[in-house]
N, C-alpha and C. Protein backbone atom coordinates (compact mmCIF):
# COMPACT_ATOMS: atom_id res chain seq x y z
N MET A 1 104.74 86.71 106.78
CA MET A 1 104.56 86.52 104.84
C MET A 1 104.90 87.99 104.97
N LYS A 2 105.79 88.75 104.29
CA LYS A 2 106.47 89.83 103.98
C LYS A 2 105.07 90.50 102.94
N SER A 3 104.68 91.74 102.98
CA SER A 3 103.68 92.46 102.03
C SER A 3 104.25 92.98 101.12
N LEU A 4 103.68 92.96 99.91
CA LEU A 4 104.06 93.28 98.48
C LEU A 4 105.14 94.43 98.83
N ALA A 5 104.54 95.37 99.55
CA ALA A 5 105.31 96.60 99.76
C ALA A 5 107.27 96.39 100.24
N GLU A 6 106.90 95.84 101.22
CA GLU A 6 108.39 95.40 101.66
C GLU A 6 109.11 94.80 100.46
N ALA A 7 108.34 93.60 99.94
CA ALA A 7 109.53 93.01 98.77
C ALA A 7 109.89 94.06 97.93
N LYS A 8 108.92 94.93 97.65
CA LYS A 8 109.94 95.72 96.68
C LYS A 8 110.73 96.66 96.82
N ASP A 9 110.26 97.41 98.44
CA ASP A 9 111.05 97.75 99.25
C ASP A 9 112.76 96.99 99.19
N LYS A 10 112.98 95.89 99.68
CA LYS A 10 114.37 95.23 99.33
C LYS A 10 114.84 95.15 97.74
N ALA A 11 114.34 95.66 97.08
CA ALA A 11 115.06 95.51 95.56
C ALA A 11 115.26 97.00 95.32
N LEU A 12 115.29 98.24 95.78
CA LEU A 12 115.26 99.40 96.22
C LEU A 12 116.94 99.97 96.79
N LEU A 13 117.66 100.88 96.19
CA LEU A 13 118.68 101.68 96.94
C LEU A 13 118.00 102.33 97.99
N THR A 14 118.83 102.23 99.63
CA THR A 14 118.14 102.83 100.60
C THR A 14 118.89 103.82 100.90
N TYR A 15 118.36 104.67 102.39
CA TYR A 15 119.26 105.36 102.63
C TYR A 15 118.73 105.55 104.17
N LYS A 16 119.48 105.13 105.20
CA LYS A 16 118.66 105.01 106.63
C LYS A 16 117.50 104.30 106.60
N ASP A 17 117.57 103.38 105.75
CA ASP A 17 116.46 102.51 106.06
C ASP A 17 115.74 102.95 105.20
N ARG A 18 115.41 103.27 104.36
CA ARG A 18 114.27 104.36 103.39
C ARG A 18 114.73 104.22 102.19
N PRO A 19 113.89 103.72 101.41
CA PRO A 19 113.83 103.95 99.89
C PRO A 19 114.18 105.16 98.99
N LEU A 20 115.02 105.36 98.49
CA LEU A 20 115.55 106.07 97.36
C LEU A 20 115.28 105.69 96.31
N VAL A 21 114.32 106.22 95.13
CA VAL A 21 113.97 106.43 93.90
C VAL A 21 114.64 107.69 93.23
N ARG A 22 115.20 107.75 92.04
CA ARG A 22 115.32 108.64 91.12
C ARG A 22 115.05 108.75 89.95
N LYS A 23 114.46 109.76 89.50
CA LYS A 23 114.17 109.89 87.99
C LYS A 23 114.45 111.28 87.62
N GLY A 24 115.54 111.35 86.93
CA GLY A 24 116.32 113.08 86.50
C GLY A 24 116.92 113.34 87.55
N ASN A 25 116.48 114.69 87.85
CA ASN A 25 117.15 115.42 88.53
C ASN A 25 116.23 115.32 89.97
N THR A 26 115.31 114.53 90.15
CA THR A 26 114.27 114.36 91.49
C THR A 26 114.34 113.25 92.05
N LEU A 27 114.40 112.97 93.20
CA LEU A 27 114.83 112.14 93.71
C LEU A 27 113.35 111.45 95.05
N TYR A 28 112.72 110.75 95.54
CA TYR A 28 112.02 110.40 96.40
C TYR A 28 112.72 109.47 97.22
N TYR A 29 112.36 109.97 98.41
CA TYR A 29 112.97 109.31 99.84
C TYR A 29 111.88 108.93 100.90
N GLY A 30 111.77 107.42 101.06
CA GLY A 30 110.91 107.39 101.93
C GLY A 30 109.67 106.22 101.44
N HIS A 31 109.03 105.91 102.26
CA HIS A 31 107.98 104.58 102.01
C HIS A 31 106.92 105.02 101.31
N MET A 32 106.07 105.03 101.00
CA MET A 32 104.64 105.85 99.77
C MET A 32 103.76 105.20 101.15
N TYR A 33 103.84 104.17 101.53
CA TYR A 33 102.99 104.11 103.01
C TYR A 33 102.84 104.90 103.59
N ASP A 34 103.97 105.40 104.28
CA ASP A 34 104.16 106.34 105.29
C ASP A 34 103.14 107.58 105.37
N PRO A 35 102.70 108.40 106.46
CA PRO A 35 101.95 109.72 105.93
C PRO A 35 102.86 110.61 105.17
N TYR A 36 104.11 110.46 104.69
CA TYR A 36 105.25 111.25 104.43
C TYR A 36 106.19 110.86 103.52
N VAL A 37 106.96 111.41 102.69
CA VAL A 37 107.76 111.33 102.07
C VAL A 37 108.56 112.97 101.74
N ALA A 38 109.67 112.25 101.51
CA ALA A 38 110.73 113.39 100.96
C ALA A 38 110.85 113.87 99.40
N MET A 39 110.63 114.77 98.54
CA MET A 39 110.94 114.94 97.10
C MET A 39 112.09 115.77 97.35
N LEU A 40 113.32 115.49 96.73
CA LEU A 40 114.43 116.26 96.97
C LEU A 40 114.69 116.84 95.41
N THR A 41 114.97 118.05 94.79
CA THR A 41 115.24 118.14 93.80
C THR A 41 116.27 119.15 93.79
N ILE A 42 117.53 118.32 92.45
CA ILE A 42 118.72 118.86 92.20
C ILE A 42 118.53 120.07 91.24
N ASN A 43 118.58 121.40 91.95
CA ASN A 43 118.41 122.77 90.96
C ASN A 43 119.87 123.22 90.02
N SER A 44 121.03 122.85 90.74
CA SER A 44 122.40 122.93 89.66
C SER A 44 123.50 121.79 90.74
N SER A 45 124.48 121.89 89.40
CA SER A 45 125.28 121.00 89.59
C SER A 45 126.58 121.79 89.36
N LYS A 46 127.89 120.94 89.79
CA LYS A 46 129.15 121.39 89.46
C LYS A 46 130.03 120.33 89.20
N PRO A 47 130.83 120.26 88.10
CA PRO A 47 131.80 119.41 88.14
C PRO A 47 132.73 118.95 89.10
N PHE A 48 133.26 118.04 89.43
CA PHE A 48 134.28 117.18 90.21
C PHE A 48 134.83 116.43 89.54
N GLU A 49 136.20 116.33 88.70
CA GLU A 49 136.86 115.34 88.19
C GLU A 49 136.15 115.51 87.22
N ASP A 50 135.48 113.85 87.02
CA ASP A 50 134.72 113.48 85.48
C ASP A 50 133.57 112.81 85.98
N LEU A 51 133.20 113.65 87.18
CA LEU A 51 131.73 113.59 87.45
C LEU A 51 131.13 115.32 87.78
N GLU A 52 129.88 114.96 87.61
CA GLU A 52 128.88 116.06 87.78
C GLU A 52 128.25 115.55 89.23
N ILE A 53 128.47 117.10 90.59
CA ILE A 53 127.74 116.61 91.75
C ILE A 53 126.56 117.50 91.96
N ALA A 54 125.81 117.31 92.72
CA ALA A 54 124.71 118.13 93.16
C ALA A 54 125.27 119.36 94.09
N ASP A 55 124.65 120.78 93.52
CA ASP A 55 125.36 121.71 94.02
C ASP A 55 123.92 122.08 94.82
N LYS A 56 123.15 122.61 94.56
CA LYS A 56 122.28 123.13 95.44
C LYS A 56 121.27 121.90 95.00
N VAL A 57 120.07 121.61 96.30
CA VAL A 57 119.34 120.90 96.30
C VAL A 57 118.13 121.29 96.85
N THR A 58 116.78 121.59 96.28
CA THR A 58 115.72 121.66 97.36
C THR A 58 114.80 120.68 98.04
N ILE A 59 114.85 120.58 98.88
CA ILE A 59 114.51 119.03 99.68
C ILE A 59 112.23 119.85 100.47
N GLN A 60 111.23 118.83 100.10
CA GLN A 60 109.91 119.05 100.46
C GLN A 60 109.49 117.83 101.26
N ILE A 61 109.13 118.27 102.22
CA ILE A 61 108.36 116.54 103.00
C ILE A 61 106.74 117.13 102.29
N MET A 62 106.61 116.17 102.13
CA MET A 62 105.13 116.01 101.60
C MET A 62 104.11 114.91 101.64
N SER A 63 103.20 114.95 102.11
CA SER A 63 101.66 114.12 102.83
C SER A 63 101.51 113.49 101.78
N THR A 64 101.47 111.82 102.07
CA THR A 64 101.09 111.02 100.74
C THR A 64 99.46 110.87 100.74
N ASP A 65 98.82 111.53 101.84
CA ASP A 65 97.21 111.41 101.83
C ASP A 65 96.55 111.69 100.89
N PRO A 66 96.19 110.65 100.04
CA PRO A 66 95.29 111.36 99.03
C PRO A 66 93.98 112.30 99.10
N SER A 67 93.69 112.19 100.37
CA SER A 67 92.57 113.54 100.29
C SER A 67 92.84 114.55 100.74
N THR A 68 94.57 114.81 101.40
CA THR A 68 94.70 116.28 101.44
C THR A 68 94.65 117.23 99.64
N ASN A 69 94.43 118.45 100.31
CA ASN A 69 93.86 119.42 99.52
C ASN A 69 95.32 119.41 98.49
N PRO A 70 95.40 119.61 97.31
CA PRO A 70 96.82 119.89 96.70
C PRO A 70 97.41 121.21 97.16
N ALA A 71 97.05 122.21 97.37
CA ALA A 71 97.90 123.45 97.74
C ALA A 71 98.46 122.96 99.21
N ASP A 72 97.92 121.77 99.78
CA ASP A 72 98.54 121.60 101.50
C ASP A 72 99.63 120.38 101.47
N ILE A 73 99.72 119.75 100.26
CA ILE A 73 100.41 118.61 99.85
C ILE A 73 101.90 118.84 100.76
N VAL A 74 102.68 120.02 100.24
CA VAL A 74 104.26 119.96 100.78
C VAL A 74 103.92 120.93 102.44
N VAL A 75 104.38 119.97 103.26
CA VAL A 75 104.22 120.98 104.72
C VAL A 75 105.63 121.17 105.23
N LYS A 76 106.84 121.23 104.50
CA LYS A 76 107.98 121.87 104.77
C LYS A 76 108.71 121.79 103.68
N ARG A 77 109.27 122.63 103.40
CA ARG A 77 110.71 122.93 102.35
C ARG A 77 111.66 123.46 102.74
N GLY A 78 112.98 123.54 102.01
CA GLY A 78 114.32 124.28 102.51
C GLY A 78 115.32 123.27 101.33
N GLU A 79 116.24 124.27 101.14
CA GLU A 79 117.38 124.25 100.14
C GLU A 79 118.48 124.04 101.02
N LYS A 80 119.55 123.27 100.42
CA LYS A 80 120.90 122.62 100.86
C LYS A 80 121.76 122.97 99.91
N LYS A 81 123.14 122.71 100.36
CA LYS A 81 124.08 122.79 99.43
C LYS A 81 124.49 121.70 99.65
N GLY A 82 124.45 120.59 98.32
CA GLY A 82 124.97 119.48 97.96
C GLY A 82 123.84 118.10 98.63
N LEU A 83 123.90 117.21 97.93
CA LEU A 83 123.28 115.96 98.33
C LEU A 83 123.49 115.02 99.59
N TYR A 84 124.63 115.18 100.13
CA TYR A 84 124.83 114.44 101.48
C TYR A 84 123.74 115.56 102.41
N GLN A 85 124.00 117.02 102.47
CA GLN A 85 123.29 117.84 103.33
C GLN A 85 122.09 117.50 102.99
N ALA A 86 121.02 117.41 102.19
CA ALA A 86 119.80 117.43 101.61
C ALA A 86 119.44 116.11 101.79
N MET A 87 120.35 114.80 102.09
CA MET A 87 119.58 113.79 102.09
C MET A 87 119.54 113.68 103.86
N ASP A 88 120.55 114.28 104.61
CA ASP A 88 120.53 114.44 105.66
C ASP A 88 119.67 114.71 106.82
N ILE A 89 119.20 116.25 106.19
CA ILE A 89 117.87 116.80 106.67
C ILE A 89 116.70 116.19 106.53
N ALA A 90 116.96 115.60 105.17
CA ALA A 90 115.13 115.39 104.94
C ALA A 90 115.08 114.27 105.69
N SER A 91 115.91 113.27 106.36
CA SER A 91 115.62 111.93 106.89
C SER A 91 115.29 112.36 108.39
N ILE A 92 116.01 113.44 108.82
CA ILE A 92 116.10 114.12 109.96
C ILE A 92 113.90 114.63 110.12
N TRP A 93 113.88 115.58 109.12
CA TRP A 93 112.34 115.84 108.72
C TRP A 93 111.26 114.64 109.02
N LEU A 94 111.82 113.46 107.95
CA LEU A 94 110.44 112.58 107.80
C LEU A 94 110.22 111.95 109.01
N ASP A 95 111.41 112.03 110.21
CA ASP A 95 111.50 111.21 111.38
C ASP A 95 110.53 112.06 112.21
N ARG A 96 110.57 113.43 111.56
CA ARG A 96 109.67 114.24 113.12
C ARG A 96 108.51 113.82 112.38
N TYR A 97 108.01 114.37 111.20
CA TYR A 97 106.85 114.33 110.75
C TYR A 97 105.90 112.98 110.72
N ILE A 98 106.37 112.09 110.85
CA ILE A 98 106.03 110.59 110.65
C ILE A 98 105.76 110.47 112.39
N LYS A 99 106.90 110.85 113.59
CA LYS A 99 106.77 110.65 114.44
C LYS A 99 104.93 111.28 114.80
N GLN A 100 104.79 112.58 114.77
CA GLN A 100 104.04 113.77 115.09
C GLN A 100 102.76 112.83 114.50
N ALA A 101 102.66 112.15 113.09
CA ALA A 101 102.01 111.62 112.46
C ALA A 101 100.83 110.28 113.76
N LYS A 102 101.48 109.67 114.20
CA LYS A 102 101.36 108.50 114.85
C LYS A 102 100.95 108.49 116.19
């Protein structure tokens, strides 16, 4: 039997088998039950034909442990040009941090 979290994950947009949720210019990437998730913030965008595409994106790897001191929640931070590069590095960083936590 699937857990409630697994059932909810099926309804979400995913990237490399992790859920991706967007609220405004902020994207949350990863499972909240994992020890870490990524928060991506679109800082600027630029026009491309009829669309606005992300230009500068800040990536933050954050601990999901509720007992973590608020000053220590962000364990890694960086900035990339473009959403694809930001998503790609967020995926790599999450893999590393989650593997270290296990």
